[in-house]
């Protein structure tokens, strides 16, 4: 086909799936003015250009209830463009009806994509249209398609999941899961040490507990936990003389795990997902941890609306948003995940919440479970109690 006629939809994935698959010479979007706004149309043009699809893209506005005008407009488009095809993915009922009438009278092919399965559905007059190759997107492309931008901070840290660190990560995960609350409290205190110490790049730090107390910071020290971390070589030096505590971490990656409570769950899930992909090539096309999104896509130093998602991955063109809570879950966590996924993933985005313990309050737990179900959020609760194989299997099923 040379010309693809699209029903413009509020979900951008519906708008790009056929163009991405067939790469036509021309794409004509037909839709309503309120839906086909500048933000969405600009994002579409930028997306196709970034993907190297050099199609002539245009937008035709039709009245929401003016059936005769819609039929005439579609007829005009067909008469002015050779080798046309209607894509019915997304779109609204009245335009669909008009396309059906035009297809019947002028033998224009009509097709549709099932984004849940990735399959092409041939509706009518599609005998000459073969199956297109699989379409994929990176995280940055998915976010940009919906008007945002992924921030690449100059001081962002690149994790290296080499054999040595995977071994350390398994040990830290095992220690943390025996008592998640203890782990969170102690690693939060280590994080307070980092904020007090001048040279944050150093593996060896020395702090005054009295100074932390003056700042009303927690100075909790669990010697049993410290001893175990020392025995495993994760902390290679720990000395406390009076109020002065000195410690040295094994390396920068271990330091980041031991000085930020939430890192351990994010990293462990990230490692398991990497393993799944290595065992089943193509399980996902792109994955990233700690994805910071700028809502308007203008990456500069001004104070703007920005949010972070703990883990994000792409399966073909479908984004998966994963929030990791290695502690008590409040309803705000659901709304944050829902907002991010809805705005930057659309109706097909998958939403998963990983949590060690939801809450001790039965009513709050019931509320969170019900709200998550209403929002289409999959909850994997009690991950600290799962065996490695079970955790990995559940991740596989929920992401897939």
Foldseek 3Di string as FASTA:
>chain_A
DAEEEEEDALFLCLVCLVCLFPLHQAYEYEYADVSPDPLLVVLVVVLCVVVVRNHHYYYHHDDPPPLVVLLVVVVVVPVVDPLYAYEPRHHDDSNVVSVVVCCVVVVHWYWYADVVVRDIGTDGNCPPPDGTDFAADELQSLQSSLQKGWDDDPPDDDDDPDPVVVVVLVVVLLLCLVPVVVQQLQLQLLLVQLVQFDDNQAQKGKDFQVVCVVVVHDNDDDVVSVVVCCVVQQWVDWDDDPRMIITGGNDDVSSVPSNHSQPSQLVLVVVLVVVVCVVPPLLFDYKDAFTKMFRNHDDDDDDGDIDTFGMWTHRRNAIETEHEEADEAALVVLVSQLVVCCSSGNPRHAAEYEYQAHDPDPVRVVVSVVVCVVSNYHYDYNPSPDDPVVNSVVVSVRSD
